Amino acid sequence: MHDFVSVSLSDLLTPWEVIADRVRHAAKADFVLVLYNPRSKKRDWQLGAVQEILLKYRDRDTPVGIVKRAMRAGQKVHITTLCEMHTMEVDMQTIVIVGNSKSYVFQDFMVTPRGYLDKY
């Protein structure tokens, strides 16, 4: 794991424009992006809007991890791609982890190296 940014997609207390701007800056800076509160019954469009922002800065095949009910009964982990992210079943008990330009899938894991391969 390398540096990452965590952003809530809930616009109940933070204006959507602020959230979108944070996502845009994180994408430009090539951070791994952890999204929480991605979708609720009343807020069902934000994840698709974030996907559109990210596709301007990231490859469509960027790995995306979907973790539902982390460390609780019924935990589910799925790895998909940025272009398929919006089709995944997510709710308020889900975190979405969007890789950066160096992220890749190895076996059943999403990996983001810290840069040691370039150094040595």
C-alpha atoms as a PDB file:
ATOM      1  CA  MET A   1       0.000   0.000   0.000  1.00  0.00           C
ATOM      2  CA  HIS A   2       1.123   3.509  -0.778  1.00  0.00           C
ATOM      3  CA  ASP A   3      -0.366   6.914   0.123  1.00  0.00           C
ATOM      4  CA  PHE A   4      -4.123   7.150  -0.120  1.00  0.00           C
ATOM      5  CA  VAL A   5      -7.017   9.580   0.335  1.00  0.00           C
ATOM      6  CA  SER A   6     -10.305   8.774   2.039  1.00  0.00           C
ATOM      7  CA  VAL A   7     -13.476  10.605   0.942  1.00  0.00           C
ATOM      8  CA  SER A   8     -17.086  10.265   2.055  1.00  0.00           C
ATOM      9  CA  LEU A   9     -19.623  10.489  -0.771  1.00  0.00           C
ATOM     10  CA  SER A  10     -22.371  11.625   1.590  1.00  0.00           C
ATOM     11  CA  ASP A  11     -23.468  15.130   0.721  1.00  0.00           C
ATOM     12  CA  LEU A  12     -25.703  15.512   3.774  1.00  0.00           C
ATOM     13  CA  LEU A  13     -23.160  17.715   5.585  1.00  0.00           C
ATOM     14  CA  THR A  14     -20.684  18.490   2.789  1.00  0.00           C
ATOM     15  CA  PRO A  15     -21.798  20.096  -0.500  1.00  0.00           C
ATOM     16  CA  TRP A  16     -21.454  17.841  -3.539  1.00  0.00           C
ATOM     17  CA  GLU A  17     -19.217  20.410  -5.281  1.00  0.00           C
ATOM     18  CA  VAL A  18     -16.685  20.105  -2.432  1.00  0.00           C
ATOM     19  CA  ILE A  19     -16.750  16.303  -2.582  1.00  0.00           C
ATOM     20  CA  ALA A  20     -16.317  16.290  -6.372  1.00  0.00           C
ATOM     21  CA  ASP A  21     -13.428  18.742  -6.095  1.00  0.00           C
ATOM     22  CA  ARG A  22     -11.698  16.552  -3.499  1.00  0.00           C
ATOM     23  CA  VAL A  23     -12.076  13.493  -5.740  1.00  0.00           C
ATOM     24  CA  ARG A  24     -10.772  15.445  -8.735  1.00  0.00           C
ATOM     25  CA  HIS A  25      -7.661  16.601  -6.837  1.00  0.00           C
ATOM     26  CA  ALA A  26      -6.981  13.113  -5.474  1.00  0.00           C
ATOM     27  CA  ALA A  27      -7.270  11.682  -8.985  1.00  0.00           C
ATOM     28  CA  LYS A  28      -4.934  14.324 -10.449  1.00  0.00           C
ATOM     29  CA  ALA A  29      -2.386  13.570  -7.702  1.00  0.00           C
ATOM     30  CA  ASP A  30      -2.621   9.828  -8.486  1.00  0.00           C
ATOM     31  CA  PHE A  31      -3.620   8.820  -4.951  1.00  0.00           C
ATOM     32  CA  VAL A  32      -5.279   5.518  -4.183  1.00  0.00           C
ATOM     33  CA  LEU A  33      -8.801   6.638  -3.312  1.00  0.00           C
ATOM     34  CA  VAL A  34     -10.930   5.057  -0.580  1.00  0.00           C
ATOM     35  CA  LEU A  35     -14.601   5.972  -0.848  1.00  0.00           C
ATOM     36  CA  TYR A  36     -17.010   5.454   2.018  1.00  0.00           C
ATOM     37  CA  ASN A  37     -20.737   6.122   2.258  1.00  0.00           C
ATOM     38  CA  PRO A  38     -20.862   5.398  -1.483  1.00  0.00           C
ATOM     39  CA  ARG A  39     -24.612   4.821  -1.859  1.00  0.00           C
ATOM     40  CA  SER A  40     -27.747   4.942   0.234  1.00  0.00           C
ATOM     41  CA  LYS A  41     -31.428   4.569  -0.552  1.00  0.00           C
ATOM     42  CA  LYS A  42     -31.758   8.341  -1.016  1.00  0.00           C
ATOM     43  CA  ARG A  43     -28.290   8.964  -2.516  1.00  0.00           C
ATOM     44  CA  ASP A  44     -27.882   6.646  -5.475  1.00  0.00           C
ATOM     45  CA  TRP A  45     -26.073   8.754  -8.105  1.00  0.00           C
ATOM     46  CA  GLN A  46     -22.843   9.856  -6.389  1.00  0.00           C
ATOM     47  CA  LEU A  47     -20.771   6.754  -7.176  1.00  0.00           C
ATOM     48  CA  GLY A  48     -21.548   7.085 -10.891  1.00  0.00           C
ATOM     49  CA  ALA A  49     -20.607  10.766 -10.780  1.00  0.00           C
ATOM     50  CA  VAL A  50     -17.297   9.924  -9.079  1.00  0.00           C
ATOM     51  CA  GLN A  51     -16.635   7.282 -11.703  1.00  0.00           C
ATOM     52  CA  GLU A  52     -17.052   9.901 -14.452  1.00  0.00           C
ATOM     53  CA  ILE A  53     -14.558  12.194 -12.706  1.00  0.00           C
ATOM     54  CA  LEU A  54     -12.019   9.404 -12.201  1.00  0.00           C
ATOM     55  CA  LEU A  55     -12.226   8.203 -15.809  1.00  0.00           C
ATOM     56  CA  LYS A  56     -10.867  11.596 -16.877  1.00  0.00           C
ATOM     57  CA  TYR A  57      -7.616  10.847 -14.987  1.00  0.00           C
ATOM     58  CA  ARG A  58      -7.403   7.054 -14.675  1.00  0.00           C
ATOM     59  CA  ASP A  59      -7.331   4.159 -17.104  1.00  0.00           C
ATOM     60  CA  ARG A  60     -10.636   2.339 -17.431  1.00  0.00           C
ATOM     61  CA  ASP A  61      -8.953  -0.907 -16.304  1.00  0.00           C
ATOM     62  CA  THR A  62      -7.705   0.573 -13.011  1.00  0.00           C
ATOM     63  CA  PRO A  63      -8.424  -2.021 -10.303  1.00  0.00           C
ATOM     64  CA  VAL A  64     -11.193  -1.260  -7.835  1.00  0.00           C
ATOM     65  CA  GLY A  65     -11.783  -3.202  -4.627  1.00  0.00           C
ATOM     66  CA  ILE A  66     -15.286  -3.451  -3.219  1.00  0.00           C
ATOM     67  CA  VAL A  67     -15.516  -4.504   0.450  1.00  0.00           C
ATOM     68  CA  LYS A  68     -18.944  -5.034   2.000  1.00  0.00           C
ATOM     69  CA  ARG A  69     -19.379  -5.483   5.745  1.00  0.00           C
ATOM     70  CA  ALA A  70     -15.618  -5.442   6.442  1.00  0.00           C
ATOM     71  CA  MET A  71     -14.624  -7.695   9.353  1.00  0.00           C
ATOM     72  CA  ARG A  72     -18.282  -8.518  10.090  1.00  0.00           C
ATOM     73  CA  ALA A  73     -20.485 -11.511   9.412  1.00  0.00           C
ATOM     74  CA  GLY A  74     -21.300 -11.621   5.722  1.00  0.00           C
ATOM     75  CA  GLN A  75     -18.119  -9.849   4.590  1.00  0.00           C
ATOM     76  CA  LYS A  76     -17.716  -9.877   0.810  1.00  0.00           C
ATOM     77  CA  VAL A  77     -14.699  -8.736  -1.195  1.00  0.00           C
ATOM     78  CA  HIS A  78     -14.733  -8.258  -4.946  1.00  0.00           C
ATOM     79  CA  ILE A  79     -12.205  -6.780  -7.354  1.00  0.00           C
ATOM     80  CA  THR A  80     -13.465  -5.076 -10.483  1.00  0.00           C
ATOM     81  CA  THR A  81     -12.306  -2.258 -12.761  1.00  0.00           C
ATOM     82  CA  LEU A  82     -12.982   1.445 -12.815  1.00  0.00           C
ATOM     83  CA  CYS A  83     -15.171   1.086 -15.908  1.00  0.00           C
ATOM     84  CA  GLU A  84     -17.348  -1.532 -14.131  1.00  0.00           C
ATOM     85  CA  MET A  85     -17.363   0.083 -10.691  1.00  0.00           C
ATOM     86  CA  HIS A  86     -20.816   1.648 -11.056  1.00  0.00           C
ATOM     87  CA  THR A  87     -22.440  -1.757 -11.673  1.00  0.00           C
ATOM     88  CA  MET A  88     -21.368  -3.194  -8.331  1.00  0.00           C
ATOM     89  CA  GLU A  89     -23.759  -3.673  -5.440  1.00  0.00           C
ATOM     90  CA  VAL A  90     -22.690  -1.149  -2.811  1.00  0.00           C
ATOM     91  CA  ASP A  91     -24.380   0.424   0.189  1.00  0.00           C
ATOM     92  CA  MET A  92     -23.516   2.354   3.346  1.00  0.00           C
ATOM     93  CA  GLN A  93     -21.640  -0.677   4.713  1.00  0.00           C
ATOM     94  CA  THR A  94     -19.324  -0.792   1.697  1.00  0.00           C
ATOM     95  CA  ILE A  95     -15.958   0.792   1.051  1.00  0.00           C
ATOM     96  CA  VAL A  96     -14.689   1.252  -2.491  1.00  0.00           C
ATOM     97  CA  ILE A  97     -10.922   1.304  -3.034  1.00  0.00           C
ATOM     98  CA  VAL A  98      -9.820   2.769  -6.370  1.00  0.00           C
ATOM     99  CA  GLY A  99      -6.226   2.018  -7.304  1.00  0.00           C
ATOM    100  CA  ASN A 100      -3.755   4.496  -8.770  1.00  0.00           C
ATOM    101  CA  SER A 101      -1.682   4.303 -11.969  1.00  0.00           C
ATOM    102  CA  LYS A 102       0.662   1.694 -10.399  1.00  0.00           C
ATOM    103  CA  SER A 103      -2.026  -0.547  -8.874  1.00  0.00           C
ATOM    104  CA  TYR A 104      -2.537  -4.051 -10.228  1.00  0.00           C
ATOM    105  CA  VAL A 105      -4.223  -7.326  -9.355  1.00  0.00           C
ATOM    106  CA  PHE A 106      -2.072 -10.261  -8.194  1.00  0.00           C
ATOM    107  CA  GLN A 107      -3.973 -13.492  -7.526  1.00  0.00           C
ATOM    108  CA  ASP A 108      -6.869 -12.378  -5.286  1.00  0.00           C
ATOM    109  CA  PHE A 109      -5.212  -9.170  -4.126  1.00  0.00           C
ATOM    110  CA  MET A 110      -5.122  -5.575  -5.263  1.00  0.00           C
ATOM    111  CA  VAL A 111      -1.541  -4.279  -4.958  1.00  0.00           C
ATOM    112  CA  THR A 112      -0.130  -0.753  -5.083  1.00  0.00           C
ATOM    113  CA  PRO A 113       3.683  -0.891  -4.816  1.00  0.00           C
ATOM    114  CA  ARG A 114       5.504   1.851  -2.963  1.00  0.00           C
ATOM    115  CA  GLY A 115       7.999   2.478  -5.752  1.00  0.00           C
ATOM    116  CA  TYR A 116      10.801   0.168  -4.667  1.00  0.00           C
ATOM    117  CA  LEU A 117      10.888  -1.462  -8.105  1.00  0.00           C
ATOM    118  CA  ASP A 118      11.899   1.868  -9.639  1.00  0.00           C
ATOM    119  CA  LYS A 119      14.469   2.509  -6.926  1.00  0.00           C
ATOM    120  CA  TYR A 120      16.421  -0.786  -6.980  1.00  0.00           C
END
